[in-house]
Amino acid sequence: MSFRMFLAVFLFLGMSACSSEHARKDAPSQNESVQSNGSPAESALEQTPQPRQDPERKKELLARLESIRKDNAAGKRDSEIQTLITELSSLTRALGVTALVLDRSGAFAEEIESEISKFERTDRQKKEDDAGRIMNGMSGVYGMYALLAKMRFVGQAERQAEIQEIHDETVSALRGGTPAVKAAAAIAEACYTLSSMIIRDIDSDRRYDKAFEQIDRQYQQGSNVANKQEDSFINGMFRTFEVSQLWLLSINPKASELITELNAGVSEDSGQATNVGMQMGIAAKYLFLISYLIARDTVQLTL
């Protein structure tokens, strides 16, 4: 079965992973392999949310994910711009589901729903403004990662100060009529930094130290050779995709076969990309797919 056929079947049926070892296909241009320090077949990390049975909430959030999947499958992809808009919209909404299920106390529920509503309202208002919809998508993705980080580090003043500093730097980069692609690059970099903070904290027993070092090295190398803002966007999004693989493994140690398939897809699609716009869409696409899996498995595990 080809990768595209596999992925279509997987997303339609929501099939679960069935492998106990973490193997990654080499994709040297954008997606270097990562390995953990220990066996990913061990139980989920200590800080993984403990299950709390709530069948109605579970049904609601799974239905929301199914709606996201259907909208993504039906989304416009007749140009590089439309592809990017479709994937960023799906990514924002998938991250929103993860935030909702992790907000077990409900302390952030209003803020999460407000962020989702703001994204959807702006998307409708800018229906004919492609650049505006891309910026809204990137802002929505950043807003969700920022919320997830705030939630993760509640009560930790030093960490909250770091998150605020990242926010201030990101907002500063967006002021003064900043070109859309430059703003998107700054947001992608912030998303990588925030997601790394979250996942490093999840990895409380430092099982993935070597993987983080490798991804960080790739990120720095990508930053050093980036000739255009588009390159910085691609670098930030792909590195976020890579650290998100560690997030998925932390809650579902059997997800390695799916991760291998996703990485094979990155290699295949990147090899067929003929311009930077296509590559930007590919980066957003695979970050959505891994985020969808994280959201789905978090709902299944937590509720």
Protein backbone atom coordinates (compact mmCIF):
# COMPACT_ATOMS: atom_id res chain seq x y z
CA MET A 1 0.00 0.00 0.00
CA SER A 2 1.39 3.43 -0.92
CA PHE A 3 1.91 6.06 1.76
CA ARG A 4 -0.98 8.17 0.52
CA MET A 5 -3.36 5.20 0.54
CA PHE A 6 -2.19 4.25 4.04
CA LEU A 7 -2.69 7.76 5.34
CA ALA A 8 -6.15 8.09 3.81
CA VAL A 9 -7.25 4.81 5.37
CA PHE A 10 -5.72 5.73 8.73
CA LEU A 11 -7.33 9.13 8.97
CA PHE A 12 -10.68 7.77 7.87
CA LEU A 13 -10.81 4.80 10.20
CA GLY A 14 -8.73 6.20 13.06
CA MET A 15 -6.75 2.98 13.27
CA SER A 16 -4.29 2.63 16.14
CA ALA A 17 -0.56 2.12 15.88
CA CYS A 18 0.90 -1.35 16.26
CA SER A 19 4.67 -1.11 16.68
CA SER A 20 6.89 -1.03 19.80
CA GLU A 21 10.10 0.35 18.38
CA HIS A 22 10.84 3.88 17.24
CA ALA A 23 12.28 3.80 13.73
CA ARG A 24 12.45 6.72 11.36
CA LYS A 25 13.03 6.89 7.65
CA ASP A 26 15.90 9.15 6.67
CA ALA A 27 14.92 12.44 5.08
CA PRO A 28 18.15 14.45 5.12
CA SER A 29 16.87 17.65 3.52
CA GLN A 30 14.25 18.50 6.17
CA ASN A 31 13.63 15.62 8.52
CA GLU A 32 16.59 13.94 10.23
CA SER A 33 15.85 10.82 12.26
CA VAL A 34 15.60 11.00 16.04
CA GLN A 35 16.05 8.30 18.64
CA SER A 36 15.17 8.07 22.32
CA ASN A 37 17.55 7.20 25.13
CA GLY A 38 15.37 4.30 26.29
CA SER A 39 12.73 1.91 25.09
CA PRO A 40 9.59 3.66 23.79
CA ALA A 41 7.65 0.49 24.62
CA GLU A 42 7.78 1.46 28.30
CA SER A 43 4.73 2.99 29.92
CA ALA A 44 3.76 6.58 29.19
CA LEU A 45 5.79 9.27 30.89
CA GLU A 46 5.09 10.09 34.51
CA GLN A 47 3.46 13.42 33.77
CA THR A 48 0.99 12.06 31.24
CA PRO A 49 -2.56 12.97 32.35
CA GLN A 50 -4.26 10.24 34.35
CA PRO A 51 -7.50 8.89 32.85
CA ARG A 52 -10.74 10.44 34.05
CA GLN A 53 -13.79 8.79 32.57
CA ASP A 54 -16.08 11.29 30.86
CA PRO A 55 -17.79 9.49 27.98
CA GLU A 56 -19.89 12.47 26.88
CA ARG A 57 -16.87 14.79 26.71
CA LYS A 58 -14.91 12.09 24.93
CA LYS A 59 -17.66 11.67 22.35
CA GLU A 60 -17.88 15.44 21.85
CA LEU A 61 -14.14 15.91 21.29
CA LEU A 62 -13.81 12.87 19.03
CA ALA A 63 -16.68 14.26 16.96
CA ARG A 64 -14.86 17.59 16.77
CA LEU A 65 -11.73 15.80 15.56
CA GLU A 66 -13.75 13.93 12.96
CA SER A 67 -15.13 17.25 11.71
CA ILE A 68 -11.57 18.60 11.49
CA ARG A 69 -10.47 15.55 9.52
CA LYS A 70 -13.36 15.86 7.07
CA ASP A 71 -12.81 19.59 6.58
CA ASN A 72 -9.12 18.98 5.98
CA ALA A 73 -9.86 16.26 3.41
CA ALA A 74 -12.30 18.55 1.60
CA GLY A 75 -10.11 21.67 1.86
CA LYS A 76 -8.91 23.57 -1.19
CA ARG A 77 -5.49 22.56 -2.49
CA ASP A 78 -5.56 24.01 -6.01
CA SER A 79 -2.55 26.21 -5.24
CA GLU A 80 0.30 26.38 -2.76
CA ILE A 81 -1.45 29.23 -0.94
CA GLN A 82 -4.74 27.38 -0.62
CA THR A 83 -2.92 24.28 0.62
CA LEU A 84 -1.18 26.29 3.32
CA ILE A 85 -4.46 27.91 4.39
CA THR A 86 -6.17 24.50 4.64
CA GLU A 87 -3.40 22.88 6.68
CA LEU A 88 -2.95 25.81 9.07
CA SER A 89 -6.68 25.93 9.75
CA SER A 90 -6.77 22.19 10.53
CA LEU A 91 -3.66 22.49 12.70
CA THR A 92 -5.10 25.31 14.80
CA ARG A 93 -8.30 23.37 15.43
CA ALA A 94 -6.48 20.11 16.27
CA LEU A 95 -4.26 21.89 18.78
CA GLY A 96 -7.41 23.39 20.26
CA VAL A 97 -8.82 19.93 20.94
CA THR A 98 -5.59 18.92 22.71
CA ALA A 99 -5.78 22.05 24.83
CA LEU A 100 -9.42 21.40 25.76
CA VAL A 101 -8.82 17.82 26.86
CA LEU A 102 -5.72 18.71 28.87
CA ASP A 103 -7.59 21.52 30.66
CA ARG A 104 -9.02 19.06 33.16
CA SER A 105 -9.94 21.71 35.73
CA GLY A 106 -11.60 23.96 33.17
CA ALA A 107 -9.43 26.89 34.25
CA PHE A 108 -8.47 27.69 30.65
CA ALA A 109 -11.68 26.61 28.92
CA GLU A 110 -12.92 30.14 28.27
CA GLU A 111 -9.54 31.27 26.97
CA ILE A 112 -9.19 28.23 24.68
CA GLU A 113 -12.68 28.60 23.21
CA SER A 114 -12.10 32.34 22.81
CA GLU A 115 -8.92 31.67 20.84
CA ILE A 116 -10.72 29.16 18.62
CA SER A 117 -13.67 31.53 18.07
CA LYS A 118 -11.35 34.43 17.24
CA PHE A 119 -9.53 32.30 14.67
CA GLU A 120 -12.76 31.11 13.03
CA ARG A 121 -14.32 34.60 13.03
CA THR A 122 -11.25 36.17 11.42
CA ASP A 123 -11.06 33.37 8.86
CA ARG A 124 -14.63 34.12 7.77
CA GLN A 125 -13.96 37.86 7.64
CA LYS A 126 -10.88 37.40 5.46
CA LYS A 127 -12.42 34.86 3.08
CA GLU A 128 -11.10 36.72 0.02
CA ASP A 129 -7.78 37.73 1.58
CA ASP A 130 -5.34 34.84 1.19
CA ALA A 131 -2.43 36.59 2.90
CA GLY A 132 -4.71 37.54 5.78
CA ARG A 133 -5.96 33.96 6.12
CA ILE A 134 -2.39 32.62 6.20
CA MET A 135 -1.47 35.10 8.92
CA ASN A 136 -4.64 34.23 10.84
CA GLY A 137 -3.75 30.55 10.57
CA MET A 138 -0.23 31.11 11.83
CA SER A 139 -1.50 33.34 14.64
CA GLY A 140 -4.02 30.66 15.60
CA VAL A 141 -1.33 27.98 15.70
CA TYR A 142 0.95 30.20 17.79
CA GLY A 143 -1.90 31.09 20.14
CA MET A 144 -2.61 27.42 20.79
CA TYR A 145 1.03 26.54 21.48
CA ALA A 146 1.28 29.54 23.82
CA LEU A 147 -1.84 28.40 25.68
CA LEU A 148 -0.57 24.82 25.93
CA ALA A 149 2.70 26.14 27.38
CA LYS A 150 0.88 28.36 29.90
CA MET A 151 -1.23 25.39 30.94
CA ARG A 152 1.77 23.11 31.29
CA PHE A 153 3.67 25.50 33.51
CA VAL A 154 0.90 26.84 35.75
CA GLY A 155 2.41 28.10 39.00
CA GLN A 156 5.98 28.13 37.66
CA ALA A 157 6.90 31.81 37.61
CA GLU A 158 10.22 31.36 35.82
CA ARG A 159 8.66 29.35 33.01
CA GLN A 160 5.77 31.77 32.68
CA ALA A 161 8.30 34.58 32.34
CA GLU A 162 10.01 32.66 29.52
CA ILE A 163 6.68 32.22 27.75
CA GLN A 164 5.96 35.93 28.10
CA GLU A 165 9.41 36.76 26.73
CA ILE A 166 8.78 34.55 23.69
CA HIS A 167 5.44 36.29 23.24
CA ASP A 168 6.96 39.76 23.47
CA GLU A 169 9.65 38.89 20.92
CA THR A 170 7.09 37.39 18.56
CA VAL A 171 4.74 40.36 18.80
CA SER A 172 7.66 42.71 18.25
CA ALA A 173 8.55 40.87 15.03
CA LEU A 174 5.00 41.38 13.75
CA ARG A 175 4.76 45.15 14.19
CA GLY A 176 5.11 47.90 11.63
CA GLY A 177 3.59 46.32 8.54
CA THR A 178 5.78 43.24 8.68
CA PRO A 179 5.51 41.21 5.42
CA ALA A 180 3.36 38.12 5.86
CA VAL A 181 6.15 35.65 5.13
CA LYS A 182 8.48 37.30 7.66
CA ALA A 183 5.75 37.26 10.30
CA ALA A 184 4.99 33.60 9.53
CA ALA A 185 8.68 32.74 9.94
CA ALA A 186 8.82 34.46 13.34
CA ILE A 187 5.70 32.61 14.49
CA ALA A 188 7.04 29.26 13.26
CA GLU A 189 10.20 29.79 15.29
CA ALA A 190 8.14 30.64 18.38
CA CYS A 191 6.04 27.51 17.88
CA TYR A 192 9.18 25.38 17.81
CA THR A 193 10.49 26.98 21.00
CA LEU A 194 7.19 26.59 22.86
CA SER A 195 6.57 23.02 21.74
CA SER A 196 10.11 22.07 22.75
CA MET A 197 9.54 23.54 26.22
CA ILE A 198 6.36 21.51 26.64
CA ILE A 199 7.74 18.22 25.41
CA ARG A 200 11.02 18.50 27.30
CA ASP A 201 8.96 18.93 30.46
CA ILE A 202 6.81 15.92 29.59
CA ASP A 203 10.03 13.91 29.21
CA SER A 204 10.67 14.08 32.94
CA ASP A 205 12.98 11.07 32.97
CA ARG A 206 15.00 12.52 30.04
CA ARG A 207 14.42 9.53 27.80
CA TYR A 208 14.60 11.69 24.68
CA ASP A 209 17.67 13.82 25.45
CA LYS A 210 19.57 12.57 22.41
CA ALA A 211 16.58 13.16 20.18
CA PHE A 212 16.21 16.73 21.45
CA GLU A 213 19.92 17.38 20.86
CA GLN A 214 19.64 16.11 17.32
CA ILE A 215 16.54 18.18 16.56
CA ASP A 216 18.11 21.30 18.11
CA ARG A 217 21.20 20.75 15.98
CA GLN A 218 19.04 20.47 12.87
CA TYR A 219 17.18 23.63 13.86
CA GLN A 220 20.37 25.62 14.30
CA GLN A 221 21.79 24.32 11.03
CA GLY A 222 18.56 25.22 9.26
CA SER A 223 18.64 28.72 10.75
CA ASN A 224 22.24 29.23 9.68
CA VAL A 225 21.63 28.29 6.04
CA ALA A 226 18.20 29.91 5.63
CA ASN A 227 18.47 32.38 2.75
CA LYS A 228 14.84 33.49 2.82
CA GLN A 229 12.08 33.91 5.37
CA GLU A 230 10.31 31.00 3.71
CA ASP A 231 13.27 28.79 4.67
CA SER A 232 12.96 29.90 8.30
CA PHE A 233 9.25 29.05 8.27
CA ILE A 234 9.93 25.57 6.86
CA ASN A 235 12.71 24.97 9.37
CA GLY A 236 10.56 25.98 12.35
CA MET A 237 7.56 23.93 11.22
CA PHE A 238 9.54 20.78 10.45
CA ARG A 239 11.41 20.92 13.73
CA THR A 240 8.09 21.35 15.55
CA PHE A 241 6.86 18.29 13.64
CA GLU A 242 9.89 16.35 14.88
CA VAL A 243 9.54 17.24 18.56
CA SER A 244 5.83 16.49 18.27
CA GLN A 245 6.77 12.93 17.38
CA LEU A 246 8.28 12.64 20.87
CA TRP A 247 5.05 14.01 22.32
CA LEU A 248 3.04 11.34 20.50
CA LEU A 249 5.40 8.58 21.64
CA SER A 250 5.15 9.78 25.23
CA ILE A 251 1.39 9.15 25.27
CA ASN A 252 1.32 6.23 22.82
CA PRO A 253 4.58 4.24 22.81
CA LYS A 254 3.16 2.04 20.06
CA ALA A 255 2.89 4.92 17.59
CA SER A 256 6.31 4.37 16.02
CA GLU A 257 4.97 2.66 12.90
CA LEU A 258 2.71 5.60 12.17
CA ILE A 259 5.60 7.98 12.76
CA THR A 260 7.72 5.98 10.33
CA GLU A 261 4.94 6.28 7.74
CA LEU A 262 4.68 10.02 8.28
CA ASN A 263 8.42 10.48 7.86
CA ALA A 264 8.33 8.40 4.69
CA GLY A 265 5.59 10.72 3.46
CA VAL A 266 7.71 13.79 4.21
CA SER A 267 10.53 12.30 2.14
CA GLU A 268 8.20 11.40 -0.71
CA ASP A 269 6.34 14.71 -0.82
CA SER A 270 9.49 16.81 -0.36
CA GLY A 271 11.14 14.95 -3.21
CA GLN A 272 8.26 15.96 -5.48
CA ALA A 273 8.12 19.62 -4.37
CA THR A 274 9.16 21.98 -7.14
CA ASN A 275 9.10 25.27 -5.25
CA VAL A 276 9.33 26.71 -1.76
CA GLY A 277 5.59 27.31 -1.57
CA MET A 278 4.91 23.61 -1.96
CA GLN A 279 7.46 22.85 0.75
CA MET A 280 5.77 25.28 3.13
CA GLY A 281 2.48 23.47 2.58
CA ILE A 282 4.15 20.10 3.19
CA ALA A 283 5.59 21.31 6.49
CA ALA A 284 2.18 22.53 7.66
CA LYS A 285 0.49 19.34 6.44
CA TYR A 286 2.68 16.99 8.45
CA LEU A 287 2.58 19.14 11.56
CA PHE A 288 -1.22 18.93 11.32
CA LEU A 289 -1.16 15.15 10.90
CA ILE A 290 1.06 14.53 13.93
CA SER A 291 -0.98 17.04 15.96
CA TYR A 292 -4.19 15.27 14.95
CA LEU A 293 -2.76 12.00 16.26
CA ILE A 294 -1.67 13.66 19.51
CA ALA A 295 -5.15 15.11 19.98
CA ARG A 296 -6.87 11.81 19.22
CA ASP A 297 -4.66 9.76 21.51
CA THR A 298 -4.87 12.35 24.29
CA VAL A 299 -8.65 12.19 24.17
CA GLN A 300 -8.56 8.39 24.20
CA LEU A 301 -6.06 8.27 27.08
CA THR A 302 -7.46 11.04 29.23
CA LEU A 303 -11.21 10.55 28.87
